[in-house]
Amino acid sequence: MITSNPSETDPVATGMLEPSGGEYSDIGYATADGVATVTLNRPARLNALTTTMVLELVDAFDRIDADDDVRAVIVTGAGRGFCAGADLGGGASTFAGQADAERWREERGEIDGVPRDRGGIVSLRIAACRKPVIGAINGAAVGVGVTMTLPMDIRIAADTARFGFVFARRGIVPEGASSWFLPRLVGISQAMEWVATGRLFDAAEAREGRLVSRVVPAAELLVTARGIAREIADNTSGVSVAVARQLMWGMLGEPNPWEAHRCDSRAMFELGAAADAAEGVSSFLEKRLARFPLRVSKDYPSVVPAWPQRPGGC
């Protein structure tokens, strides 16, 4: 259970450790034509995750949610890797958070009396995003480099990409809330094979195992991802997509379809009477491109339950 309201105590949530000057050192951030592109940008280290990168990713997704001109997000890596996992530059003590627990609590916040894992901070911030997120996996995605992609809505891999849930080979466990995400995405049998062996596997196996939705030649990866992102940005209601994203993910944990029916009915009732629905029908009848007036930042319906919901009402 989270010990307190993160909006009050979590340095990541409060922005106390926001990257200075508004510029990023470990990621790239750019927007164009309704699409934000977030690039993990430590190519000399195969974009291995650092605490700085965690903070910058959280900040970037905060910007994405606040910017109504951003309709879709692409996350990719610079150079030949996507993310090779945690930076192991700290040597054998890399994962020994207990050795400096107070510093980690300050930087990461706390859950159940221990510092939050860095992968979980990233994954849960991506999960809470109100814009669809496309992972364009251009190379090695290993450890946290693959778990951070699990809450992304669409994952596309270059044919040169490689994957690995290598945690057991490092004496640790899968993090980034992946014990929730991975079995739901690929099934428990496939999830346990990859996790228990910790072996590396190629993009074709990732596609066969449903970890990615398609594999494309490396030279076509970003073109493919941008094509999907632009299809969203150019043709859909931002509020509709945001609500659909929250409902689709949120209903994964429900034991039967009745809660989905309840939430769908409430959302249909509210959005059906709103301006985007009128514009969607009018543009279809008039055979023109829709110009949806609603904005996610101010018009998101209150009837849609927040997801992921924090435990214990925290």
C-alpha atoms as a PDB file:
ATOM      1  CA  MET A   1       0.000   0.000   0.000  1.00  0.00           C
ATOM      2  CA  ILE A   2       1.242   3.510  -0.755  1.00  0.00           C
ATOM      3  CA  THR A   3       1.907   5.149   2.585  1.00  0.00           C
ATOM      4  CA  SER A   4       0.639   8.632   1.812  1.00  0.00           C
ATOM      5  CA  ASN A   5      -0.795  10.816  -0.897  1.00  0.00           C
ATOM      6  CA  PRO A   6       1.943  11.030  -3.576  1.00  0.00           C
ATOM      7  CA  SER A   7       0.774  14.488  -4.584  1.00  0.00           C
ATOM      8  CA  GLU A   8       1.976  15.662  -1.162  1.00  0.00           C
ATOM      9  CA  THR A   9       5.052  13.540  -0.436  1.00  0.00           C
ATOM     10  CA  ASP A  10       6.390  11.844  -3.541  1.00  0.00           C
ATOM     11  CA  PRO A  11       9.247  13.939  -5.020  1.00  0.00           C
ATOM     12  CA  VAL A  12       8.535  12.507  -8.460  1.00  0.00           C
ATOM     13  CA  ALA A  13       4.868  13.518  -8.278  1.00  0.00           C
ATOM     14  CA  THR A  14       5.468  16.917  -6.709  1.00  0.00           C
ATOM     15  CA  GLY A  15       8.141  17.925  -9.208  1.00  0.00           C
ATOM     16  CA  MET A  16      10.672  18.689  -6.436  1.00  0.00           C
ATOM     17  CA  LEU A  17      13.243  16.871  -8.549  1.00  0.00           C
ATOM     18  CA  GLU A  18      12.084  18.198 -11.891  1.00  0.00           C
ATOM     19  CA  PRO A  19      14.948  18.376 -14.400  1.00  0.00           C
ATOM     20  CA  SER A  20      16.369  21.883 -14.215  1.00  0.00           C
ATOM     21  CA  GLY A  21      15.978  24.456 -16.943  1.00  0.00           C
ATOM     22  CA  GLY A  22      13.213  22.570 -18.712  1.00  0.00           C
ATOM     23  CA  GLU A  23      15.810  20.716 -20.785  1.00  0.00           C
ATOM     24  CA  TYR A  24      16.482  17.000 -20.619  1.00  0.00           C
ATOM     25  CA  SER A  25      19.847  15.265 -20.488  1.00  0.00           C
ATOM     26  CA  ASP A  26      18.878  11.570 -20.707  1.00  0.00           C
ATOM     27  CA  ILE A  27      15.871  11.770 -23.031  1.00  0.00           C
ATOM     28  CA  GLY A  28      14.860  13.735 -26.097  1.00  0.00           C
ATOM     29  CA  TYR A  29      11.424  15.333 -26.406  1.00  0.00           C
ATOM     30  CA  ALA A  30       9.822  16.773 -29.532  1.00  0.00           C
ATOM     31  CA  THR A  31       6.312  17.453 -30.794  1.00  0.00           C
ATOM     32  CA  ALA A  32       5.045  17.812 -34.355  1.00  0.00           C
ATOM     33  CA  ASP A  33       1.672  17.407 -36.061  1.00  0.00           C
ATOM     34  CA  GLY A  34      -0.095  16.277 -32.902  1.00  0.00           C
ATOM     35  CA  VAL A  35       2.507  13.641 -32.013  1.00  0.00           C
ATOM     36  CA  ALA A  36       5.030  13.752 -29.160  1.00  0.00           C
ATOM     37  CA  THR A  37       8.194  11.705 -29.601  1.00  0.00           C
ATOM     38  CA  VAL A  38      10.095  10.706 -26.473  1.00  0.00           C
ATOM     39  CA  THR A  39      13.557   9.298 -27.196  1.00  0.00           C
ATOM     40  CA  LEU A  40      15.638   7.492 -24.594  1.00  0.00           C
ATOM     41  CA  ASN A  41      18.924   9.234 -25.240  1.00  0.00           C
ATOM     42  CA  ARG A  42      22.011   7.599 -23.747  1.00  0.00           C
ATOM     43  CA  PRO A  43      23.172   5.756 -26.855  1.00  0.00           C
ATOM     44  CA  ALA A  44      26.702   5.142 -25.571  1.00  0.00           C
ATOM     45  CA  ARG A  45      25.130   3.076 -22.757  1.00  0.00           C
ATOM     46  CA  LEU A  46      22.381   1.561 -24.948  1.00  0.00           C
ATOM     47  CA  ASN A  47      19.993   3.983 -23.214  1.00  0.00           C
ATOM     48  CA  ALA A  48      20.355   2.227 -19.846  1.00  0.00           C
ATOM     49  CA  LEU A  49      17.980   3.620 -17.231  1.00  0.00           C
ATOM     50  CA  THR A  50      19.198   6.133 -14.657  1.00  0.00           C
ATOM     51  CA  THR A  51      17.372   8.002 -11.903  1.00  0.00           C
ATOM     52  CA  THR A  52      17.684  11.123 -14.051  1.00  0.00           C
ATOM     53  CA  MET A  53      15.995   9.341 -16.940  1.00  0.00           C
ATOM     54  CA  VAL A  54      13.161   8.253 -14.634  1.00  0.00           C
ATOM     55  CA  LEU A  55      12.535  11.821 -13.504  1.00  0.00           C
ATOM     56  CA  GLU A  56      12.721  13.143 -17.050  1.00  0.00           C
ATOM     57  CA  LEU A  57      10.293  10.519 -18.361  1.00  0.00           C
ATOM     58  CA  VAL A  58       7.779  11.384 -15.644  1.00  0.00           C
ATOM     59  CA  ASP A  59       8.165  15.070 -16.433  1.00  0.00           C
ATOM     60  CA  ALA A  60       7.738  14.431 -20.168  1.00  0.00           C
ATOM     61  CA  PHE A  61       4.503  12.508 -19.624  1.00  0.00           C
ATOM     62  CA  ASP A  62       3.238  15.285 -17.374  1.00  0.00           C
ATOM     63  CA  ARG A  63       3.864  17.696 -20.268  1.00  0.00           C
ATOM     64  CA  ILE A  64       2.134  15.354 -22.689  1.00  0.00           C
ATOM     65  CA  ASP A  65      -1.020  15.172 -20.587  1.00  0.00           C
ATOM     66  CA  ALA A  66      -1.063  18.953 -20.149  1.00  0.00           C
ATOM     67  CA  ASP A  67      -0.666  19.686 -23.877  1.00  0.00           C
ATOM     68  CA  ASP A  68      -3.954  19.360 -25.754  1.00  0.00           C
ATOM     69  CA  ASP A  69      -2.116  19.635 -29.059  1.00  0.00           C
ATOM     70  CA  VAL A  70      -0.469  16.276 -28.343  1.00  0.00           C
ATOM     71  CA  ARG A  71      -2.789  13.493 -29.442  1.00  0.00           C
ATOM     72  CA  ALA A  72      -0.453  10.484 -29.448  1.00  0.00           C
ATOM     73  CA  VAL A  73       2.983   9.554 -28.120  1.00  0.00           C
ATOM     74  CA  ILE A  74       5.864   7.565 -29.578  1.00  0.00           C
ATOM     75  CA  VAL A  75       8.612   6.236 -27.300  1.00  0.00           C
ATOM     76  CA  THR A  76      11.810   4.992 -28.930  1.00  0.00           C
ATOM     77  CA  GLY A  77      15.561   4.787 -28.328  1.00  0.00           C
ATOM     78  CA  ALA A  78      18.544   6.625 -29.762  1.00  0.00           C
ATOM     79  CA  GLY A  79      21.211   4.645 -31.552  1.00  0.00           C
ATOM     80  CA  ARG A  80      21.153   0.867 -31.810  1.00  0.00           C
ATOM     81  CA  GLY A  81      19.332   0.106 -28.542  1.00  0.00           C
ATOM     82  CA  PHE A  82      15.929   0.828 -27.070  1.00  0.00           C
ATOM     83  CA  CYS A  83      16.945   0.392 -23.427  1.00  0.00           C
ATOM     84  CA  ALA A  84      19.439  -2.174 -22.144  1.00  0.00           C
ATOM     85  CA  GLY A  85      17.948  -2.127 -18.640  1.00  0.00           C
ATOM     86  CA  ALA A  86      19.220  -0.474 -15.492  1.00  0.00           C
ATOM     87  CA  ASP A  87      22.622   1.141 -15.717  1.00  0.00           C
ATOM     88  CA  LEU A  88      24.930  -1.323 -13.922  1.00  0.00           C
ATOM     89  CA  GLY A  89      27.700   1.223 -13.469  1.00  0.00           C
ATOM     90  CA  GLY A  90      27.255   0.923  -9.711  1.00  0.00           C
ATOM     91  CA  GLY A  91      28.624  -2.596  -9.828  1.00  0.00           C
ATOM     92  CA  ALA A  92      27.484  -5.325  -7.436  1.00  0.00           C
ATOM     93  CA  SER A  93      25.573  -2.814  -5.277  1.00  0.00           C
ATOM     94  CA  THR A  94      23.465  -1.511  -8.168  1.00  0.00           C
ATOM     95  CA  PHE A  95      20.229  -2.929  -6.764  1.00  0.00           C
ATOM     96  CA  ALA A  96      21.112  -2.663  -3.069  1.00  0.00           C
ATOM     97  CA  GLY A  97      18.746   0.188  -2.261  1.00  0.00           C
ATOM     98  CA  GLN A  98      18.909  -0.744   1.430  1.00  0.00           C
ATOM     99  CA  ALA A  99      22.524   0.426   1.542  1.00  0.00           C
ATOM    100  CA  ASP A 100      21.418   4.025   1.066  1.00  0.00           C
ATOM    101  CA  ALA A 101      17.711   3.824   1.833  1.00  0.00           C
ATOM    102  CA  GLU A 102      17.222   7.437   2.904  1.00  0.00           C
ATOM    103  CA  ARG A 103      18.633   8.805  -0.349  1.00  0.00           C
ATOM    104  CA  TRP A 104      16.446   6.459  -2.387  1.00  0.00           C
ATOM    105  CA  ARG A 105      13.345   7.425  -0.387  1.00  0.00           C
ATOM    106  CA  GLU A 106      14.028  11.065  -1.150  1.00  0.00           C
ATOM    107  CA  GLU A 107      14.469  10.424  -4.855  1.00  0.00           C
ATOM    108  CA  ARG A 108      11.808   7.772  -5.502  1.00  0.00           C
ATOM    109  CA  GLY A 109       9.149   8.110  -2.818  1.00  0.00           C
ATOM    110  CA  GLU A 110       7.974   5.171  -0.736  1.00  0.00           C
ATOM    111  CA  ILE A 111       5.487   2.313  -0.933  1.00  0.00           C
ATOM    112  CA  ASP A 112       4.770  -0.103   1.913  1.00  0.00           C
ATOM    113  CA  GLY A 113       7.724   1.271   3.846  1.00  0.00           C
ATOM    114  CA  VAL A 114      10.334   0.749   1.123  1.00  0.00           C
ATOM    115  CA  PRO A 115      11.564   2.944  -1.748  1.00  0.00           C
ATOM    116  CA  ARG A 116       9.519   2.634  -4.929  1.00  0.00           C
ATOM    117  CA  ASP A 117      11.326   0.818  -7.716  1.00  0.00           C
ATOM    118  CA  ARG A 118      12.345   3.076 -10.583  1.00  0.00           C
ATOM    119  CA  GLY A 119      10.718   0.909 -13.245  1.00  0.00           C
ATOM    120  CA  GLY A 120       7.410   1.077 -11.413  1.00  0.00           C
ATOM    121  CA  ILE A 121       7.537   4.863 -11.275  1.00  0.00           C
ATOM    122  CA  VAL A 122       7.960   4.966 -15.058  1.00  0.00           C
ATOM    123  CA  SER A 123       5.437   2.221 -15.859  1.00  0.00           C
ATOM    124  CA  LEU A 124       2.678   3.609 -13.669  1.00  0.00           C
ATOM    125  CA  ARG A 125       3.152   7.119 -15.068  1.00  0.00           C
ATOM    126  CA  ILE A 126       2.855   5.764 -18.608  1.00  0.00           C
ATOM    127  CA  ALA A 127      -0.183   3.721 -17.553  1.00  0.00           C
ATOM    128  CA  ALA A 128      -1.914   6.858 -16.256  1.00  0.00           C
ATOM    129  CA  CYS A 129      -1.292   8.825 -19.480  1.00  0.00           C
ATOM    130  CA  ARG A 130      -4.463  10.014 -21.202  1.00  0.00           C
ATOM    131  CA  LYS A 131      -2.915   9.856 -24.656  1.00  0.00           C
ATOM    132  CA  PRO A 132      -2.271   6.596 -26.537  1.00  0.00           C
ATOM    133  CA  VAL A 133       1.373   5.518 -26.280  1.00  0.00           C
ATOM    134  CA  ILE A 134       3.197   3.673 -29.055  1.00  0.00           C
ATOM    135  CA  GLY A 135       6.439   1.879 -28.272  1.00  0.00           C
ATOM    136  CA  ALA A 136       8.776   1.854 -31.282  1.00  0.00           C
ATOM    137  CA  ILE A 137      11.313  -0.699 -30.107  1.00  0.00           C
ATOM    138  CA  ASN A 138      14.367  -0.204 -32.265  1.00  0.00           C
ATOM    139  CA  GLY A 139      16.908  -2.465 -30.558  1.00  0.00           C
ATOM    140  CA  ALA A 140      17.707  -4.237 -27.303  1.00  0.00           C
ATOM    141  CA  ALA A 141      14.864  -3.965 -24.761  1.00  0.00           C
ATOM    142  CA  VAL A 142      16.083  -5.802 -21.682  1.00  0.00           C
ATOM    143  CA  GLY A 143      15.067  -5.738 -18.014  1.00  0.00           C
ATOM    144  CA  VAL A 144      13.392  -2.437 -17.256  1.00  0.00           C
ATOM    145  CA  GLY A 145      13.886  -1.673 -20.943  1.00  0.00           C
ATOM    146  CA  VAL A 146      11.127  -4.151 -21.741  1.00  0.00           C
ATOM    147  CA  THR A 147       8.958  -3.814 -18.617  1.00  0.00           C
ATOM    148  CA  MET A 148       8.530  -0.075 -19.229  1.00  0.00           C
ATOM    149  CA  THR A 149       6.910  -0.899 -22.585  1.00  0.00           C
ATOM    150  CA  LEU A 150       4.189  -3.100 -21.082  1.00  0.00           C
ATOM    151  CA  PRO A 151       1.761  -0.254 -20.212  1.00  0.00           C
ATOM    152  CA  MET A 152       2.210   1.222 -23.690  1.00  0.00           C
ATOM    153  CA  ASP A 153      -0.874   0.686 -25.820  1.00  0.00           C
ATOM    154  CA  ILE A 154       0.834  -0.449 -29.019  1.00  0.00           C
ATOM    155  CA  ARG A 155       4.277  -2.016 -29.280  1.00  0.00           C
ATOM    156  CA  ILE A 156       6.029  -2.268 -32.651  1.00  0.00           C
ATOM    157  CA  ALA A 157       9.457  -3.856 -33.018  1.00  0.00           C
ATOM    158  CA  ALA A 158      12.192  -3.493 -35.570  1.00  0.00           C
ATOM    159  CA  ASP A 159      13.290  -6.827 -36.960  1.00  0.00           C
ATOM    160  CA  THR A 160      16.645  -6.196 -35.257  1.00  0.00           C
ATOM    161  CA  ALA A 161      15.126  -5.795 -31.773  1.00  0.00           C
ATOM    162  CA  ARG A 162      15.946  -8.187 -28.955  1.00  0.00           C
ATOM    163  CA  PHE A 163      14.081  -8.705 -25.692  1.00  0.00           C
ATOM    164  CA  GLY A 164      14.852 -10.204 -22.304  1.00  0.00           C
ATOM    165  CA  PHE A 165      13.208 -10.431 -18.894  1.00  0.00           C
ATOM    166  CA  VAL A 166      16.644 -11.136 -17.403  1.00  0.00           C
ATOM    167  CA  PHE A 167      15.892 -10.399 -13.742  1.00  0.00           C
ATOM    168  CA  ALA A 168      16.373 -13.950 -12.410  1.00  0.00           C
ATOM    169  CA  ARG A 169      19.823 -13.986 -14.019  1.00  0.00           C
ATOM    170  CA  ARG A 170      20.694 -10.907 -11.942  1.00  0.00           C
ATOM    171  CA  GLY A 171      19.262 -12.249  -8.667  1.00  0.00           C
ATOM    172  CA  ILE A 172      16.262  -9.902  -8.607  1.00  0.00           C
ATOM    173  CA  VAL A 173      12.606 -10.001  -9.692  1.00  0.00           C
ATOM    174  CA  PRO A 174      10.676  -8.398 -12.548  1.00  0.00           C
ATOM    175  CA  GLU A 175       9.758  -4.833 -11.573  1.00  0.00           C
ATOM    176  CA  GLY A 176       7.777  -2.013 -13.168  1.00  0.00           C
ATOM    177  CA  ALA A 177       4.486  -3.655 -12.072  1.00  0.00           C
ATOM    178  CA  SER A 178       5.252  -6.254 -14.751  1.00  0.00           C
ATOM    179  CA  SER A 179       3.843  -9.087 -12.650  1.00  0.00           C
ATOM    180  CA  TRP A 180       0.468  -7.420 -13.328  1.00  0.00           C
ATOM    181  CA  PHE A 181       1.013  -6.334 -16.921  1.00  0.00           C
ATOM    182  CA  LEU A 182       2.936  -9.197 -18.518  1.00  0.00           C
ATOM    183  CA  PRO A 183       0.588 -12.156 -17.831  1.00  0.00           C
ATOM    184  CA  ARG A 184      -2.377 -10.082 -18.971  1.00  0.00           C
ATOM    185  CA  LEU A 185      -0.651  -9.247 -22.234  1.00  0.00           C
ATOM    186  CA  VAL A 186       0.869 -12.601 -23.169  1.00  0.00           C
ATOM    187  CA  GLY A 187      -0.676 -15.180 -20.827  1.00  0.00           C
ATOM    188  CA  ILE A 188       0.820 -16.770 -17.729  1.00  0.00           C
ATOM    189  CA  SER A 189       2.579 -19.653 -19.529  1.00  0.00           C
ATOM    190  CA  GLN A 190       4.472 -17.437 -21.958  1.00  0.00           C
ATOM    191  CA  ALA A 191       5.185 -14.880 -19.246  1.00  0.00           C
ATOM    192  CA  MET A 192       6.689 -17.499 -16.925  1.00  0.00           C
ATOM    193  CA  GLU A 193       8.808 -19.049 -19.676  1.00  0.00           C
ATOM    194  CA  TRP A 194      10.430 -15.713 -20.446  1.00  0.00           C
ATOM    195  CA  VAL A 195      10.775 -14.687 -16.786  1.00  0.00           C
ATOM    196  CA  ALA A 196      11.975 -18.026 -15.388  1.00  0.00           C
ATOM    197  CA  THR A 197      14.611 -18.569 -18.062  1.00  0.00           C
ATOM    198  CA  GLY A 198      15.692 -14.938 -18.287  1.00  0.00           C
ATOM    199  CA  ARG A 199      16.837 -15.647 -21.830  1.00  0.00           C
ATOM    200  CA  LEU A 200      17.084 -13.194 -24.697  1.00  0.00           C
ATOM    201  CA  PHE A 201      14.706 -13.655 -27.623  1.00  0.00           C
ATOM    202  CA  ASP A 202      14.228 -12.016 -30.987  1.00  0.00           C
ATOM    203  CA  ALA A 203      11.480  -9.867 -32.471  1.00  0.00           C
ATOM    204  CA  ALA A 204       9.851 -12.799 -34.276  1.00  0.00           C
ATOM    205  CA  GLU A 205       9.363 -14.630 -30.975  1.00  0.00           C
ATOM    206  CA  ALA A 206       8.077 -11.441 -29.358  1.00  0.00           C
ATOM    207  CA  ARG A 207       5.472 -11.182 -32.128  1.00  0.00           C
ATOM    208  CA  GLU A 208       4.515 -14.840 -31.847  1.00  0.00           C
ATOM    209  CA  GLY A 209       4.173 -14.460 -28.071  1.00  0.00           C
ATOM    210  CA  ARG A 210       1.999 -11.321 -28.445  1.00  0.00           C
ATOM    211  CA  LEU A 211       4.473  -9.012 -26.738  1.00  0.00           C
ATOM    212  CA  VAL A 212       4.488  -6.815 -29.865  1.00  0.00           C
ATOM    213  CA  SER A 213       1.723  -6.377 -32.422  1.00  0.00           C
ATOM    214  CA  ARG A 214       3.972  -6.261 -35.469  1.00  0.00           C
ATOM    215  CA  VAL A 215       7.572  -6.505 -36.612  1.00  0.00           C
ATOM    216  CA  VAL A 216       8.848  -4.263 -39.397  1.00  0.00           C
ATOM    217  CA  PRO A 217      12.223  -3.659 -41.063  1.00  0.00           C
ATOM    218  CA  ALA A 218      14.342  -1.386 -38.886  1.00  0.00           C
ATOM    219  CA  ALA A 219      14.356   1.356 -41.518  1.00  0.00           C
ATOM    220  CA  GLU A 220      10.542   1.436 -41.458  1.00  0.00           C
ATOM    221  CA  LEU A 221      10.021   1.428 -37.692  1.00  0.00           C
ATOM    222  CA  LEU A 222       9.522   5.129 -37.018  1.00  0.00           C
ATOM    223  CA  VAL A 223       7.623   5.638 -40.267  1.00  0.00           C
ATOM    224  CA  THR A 224       5.211   2.895 -39.194  1.00  0.00           C
ATOM    225  CA  ALA A 225       4.855   4.288 -35.678  1.00  0.00           C
ATOM    226  CA  ARG A 226       4.268   7.807 -36.964  1.00  0.00           C
ATOM    227  CA  GLY A 227       1.680   6.521 -39.413  1.00  0.00           C
ATOM    228  CA  ILE A 228      -0.328   5.011 -36.563  1.00  0.00           C
ATOM    229  CA  ALA A 229       0.118   8.121 -34.419  1.00  0.00           C
ATOM    230  CA  ARG A 230      -1.011  10.422 -37.221  1.00  0.00           C
ATOM    231  CA  GLU A 231      -4.041   8.221 -37.929  1.00  0.00           C
ATOM    232  CA  ILE A 232      -5.060   8.859 -34.321  1.00  0.00           C
ATOM    233  CA  ALA A 233      -4.187  12.563 -34.317  1.00  0.00           C
ATOM    234  CA  ASP A 234      -5.858  13.372 -37.621  1.00  0.00           C
ATOM    235  CA  ASN A 235      -9.105  11.456 -37.341  1.00  0.00           C
ATOM    236  CA  THR A 236     -10.279  10.944 -33.774  1.00  0.00           C
ATOM    237  CA  SER A 237     -11.643  12.811 -30.776  1.00  0.00           C
ATOM    238  CA  GLY A 238      -8.958  13.253 -28.135  1.00  0.00           C
ATOM    239  CA  VAL A 239     -11.485  12.890 -25.334  1.00  0.00           C
ATOM    240  CA  SER A 240     -12.965   9.749 -26.896  1.00  0.00           C
ATOM    241  CA  VAL A 241      -9.548   8.111 -27.199  1.00  0.00           C
ATOM    242  CA  ALA A 242      -8.572   9.138 -23.657  1.00  0.00           C
ATOM    243  CA  VAL A 243     -11.763   7.650 -22.200  1.00  0.00           C
ATOM    244  CA  ALA A 244     -11.453   4.485 -24.286  1.00  0.00           C
ATOM    245  CA  ARG A 245      -7.852   4.016 -23.120  1.00  0.00           C
ATOM    246  CA  GLN A 246      -8.817   4.329 -19.467  1.00  0.00           C
ATOM    247  CA  LEU A 247     -11.785   1.975 -19.848  1.00  0.00           C
ATOM    248  CA  MET A 248      -9.929  -0.686 -21.825  1.00  0.00           C
ATOM    249  CA  TRP A 249      -7.069  -0.908 -19.327  1.00  0.00           C
ATOM    250  CA  GLY A 250      -9.278  -0.412 -16.278  1.00  0.00           C
ATOM    251  CA  MET A 251     -11.633  -3.247 -17.147  1.00  0.00           C
ATOM    252  CA  LEU A 252      -8.810  -5.821 -17.389  1.00  0.00           C
ATOM    253  CA  GLY A 253      -9.159  -6.531 -13.691  1.00  0.00           C
ATOM    254  CA  GLU A 254     -12.937  -6.872 -13.567  1.00  0.00           C
ATOM    255  CA  PRO A 255     -14.302 -10.399 -13.045  1.00  0.00           C
ATOM    256  CA  ASN A 256     -17.256  -9.966 -15.412  1.00  0.00           C
ATOM    257  CA  PRO A 257     -18.538  -7.485 -18.045  1.00  0.00           C
ATOM    258  CA  TRP A 258     -21.121  -5.749 -15.867  1.00  0.00           C
ATOM    259  CA  GLU A 259     -18.740  -3.121 -14.512  1.00  0.00           C
ATOM    260  CA  ALA A 260     -17.691  -2.377 -18.099  1.00  0.00           C
ATOM    261  CA  HIS A 261     -21.359  -2.051 -19.052  1.00  0.00           C
ATOM    262  CA  ARG A 262     -21.929   0.372 -16.167  1.00  0.00           C
ATOM    263  CA  CYS A 263     -18.928   2.538 -17.068  1.00  0.00           C
ATOM    264  CA  ASP A 264     -19.656   2.374 -20.817  1.00  0.00           C
ATOM    265  CA  SER A 265     -23.244   3.467 -20.241  1.00  0.00           C
ATOM    266  CA  ARG A 266     -22.222   6.444 -18.127  1.00  0.00           C
ATOM    267  CA  ALA A 267     -19.562   7.510 -20.614  1.00  0.00           C
ATOM    268  CA  MET A 268     -21.913   7.093 -23.580  1.00  0.00           C
ATOM    269  CA  PHE A 269     -24.597   9.140 -21.833  1.00  0.00           C
ATOM    270  CA  GLU A 270     -22.217  12.027 -21.100  1.00  0.00           C
ATOM    271  CA  LEU A 271     -20.151  12.025 -24.297  1.00  0.00           C
ATOM    272  CA  GLY A 272     -23.172  11.335 -26.499  1.00  0.00           C
ATOM    273  CA  ALA A 273     -24.609  14.707 -25.486  1.00  0.00           C
ATOM    274  CA  ALA A 274     -21.310  16.554 -25.901  1.00  0.00           C
ATOM    275  CA  ALA A 275     -19.917  18.589 -28.781  1.00  0.00           C
ATOM    276  CA  ASP A 276     -17.528  15.960 -30.133  1.00  0.00           C
ATOM    277  CA  ALA A 277     -20.343  13.480 -30.776  1.00  0.00           C
ATOM    278  CA  ALA A 278     -22.329  16.132 -32.652  1.00  0.00           C
ATOM    279  CA  GLU A 279     -19.257  17.024 -34.710  1.00  0.00           C
ATOM    280  CA  GLY A 280     -18.446  13.381 -35.398  1.00  0.00           C
ATOM    281  CA  VAL A 281     -21.896  12.713 -36.828  1.00  0.00           C
ATOM    282  CA  SER A 282     -22.076  16.009 -38.728  1.00  0.00           C
ATOM    283  CA  SER A 283     -18.664  15.545 -40.343  1.00  0.00           C
ATOM    284  CA  PHE A 284     -19.609  12.024 -41.424  1.00  0.00           C
ATOM    285  CA  LEU A 285     -22.877  13.169 -42.990  1.00  0.00           C
ATOM    286  CA  GLU A 286     -21.189  16.139 -44.651  1.00  0.00           C
ATOM    287  CA  LYS A 287     -18.279  13.962 -45.877  1.00  0.00           C
ATOM    288  CA  ARG A 288     -15.577  16.170 -44.385  1.00  0.00           C
ATOM    289  CA  LEU A 289     -12.762  15.835 -41.855  1.00  0.00           C
ATOM    290  CA  ALA A 290     -14.003  16.253 -38.294  1.00  0.00           C
ATOM    291  CA  ARG A 291     -12.855  19.203 -36.183  1.00  0.00           C
ATOM    292  CA  PHE A 292     -13.443  17.994 -32.651  1.00  0.00           C
ATOM    293  CA  PRO A 293     -13.716  20.926 -30.199  1.00  0.00           C
ATOM    294  CA  LEU A 294     -13.338  19.149 -26.836  1.00  0.00           C
ATOM    295  CA  ARG A 295      -9.983  19.125 -25.034  1.00  0.00           C
ATOM    296  CA  VAL A 296      -8.725  16.389 -22.733  1.00  0.00           C
ATOM    297  CA  SER A 297      -7.314  18.845 -20.178  1.00  0.00           C
ATOM    298  CA  LYS A 298     -10.706  20.446 -19.455  1.00  0.00           C
ATOM    299  CA  ASP A 299     -13.434  18.262 -20.955  1.00  0.00           C
ATOM    300  CA  TYR A 300     -12.487  14.784 -19.701  1.00  0.00           C
ATOM    301  CA  PRO A 301     -15.688  13.380 -18.121  1.00  0.00           C
ATOM    302  CA  SER A 302     -15.737  12.949 -14.358  1.00  0.00           C
ATOM    303  CA  VAL A 303     -17.819   9.765 -14.637  1.00  0.00           C
ATOM    304  CA  VAL A 304     -14.842   7.751 -15.922  1.00  0.00           C
ATOM    305  CA  PRO A 305     -12.925   6.102 -13.062  1.00  0.00           C
ATOM    306  CA  ALA A 306      -9.246   6.997 -12.830  1.00  0.00           C
ATOM    307  CA  TRP A 307      -6.815   4.245 -13.772  1.00  0.00           C
ATOM    308  CA  PRO A 308      -4.611   2.844 -12.342  1.00  0.00           C
ATOM    309  CA  GLN A 309      -6.442   3.306  -9.054  1.00  0.00           C
ATOM    310  CA  ARG A 310      -4.177   3.700  -6.056  1.00  0.00           C
ATOM    311  CA  PRO A 311      -4.629   1.051  -3.364  1.00  0.00           C
ATOM    312  CA  GLY A 312      -6.411   1.775  -0.134  1.00  0.00           C
ATOM    313  CA  GLY A 313      -7.744   5.114  -1.379  1.00  0.00           C
ATOM    314  CA  CYS A 314      -4.267   6.661  -1.122  1.00  0.00           C
END
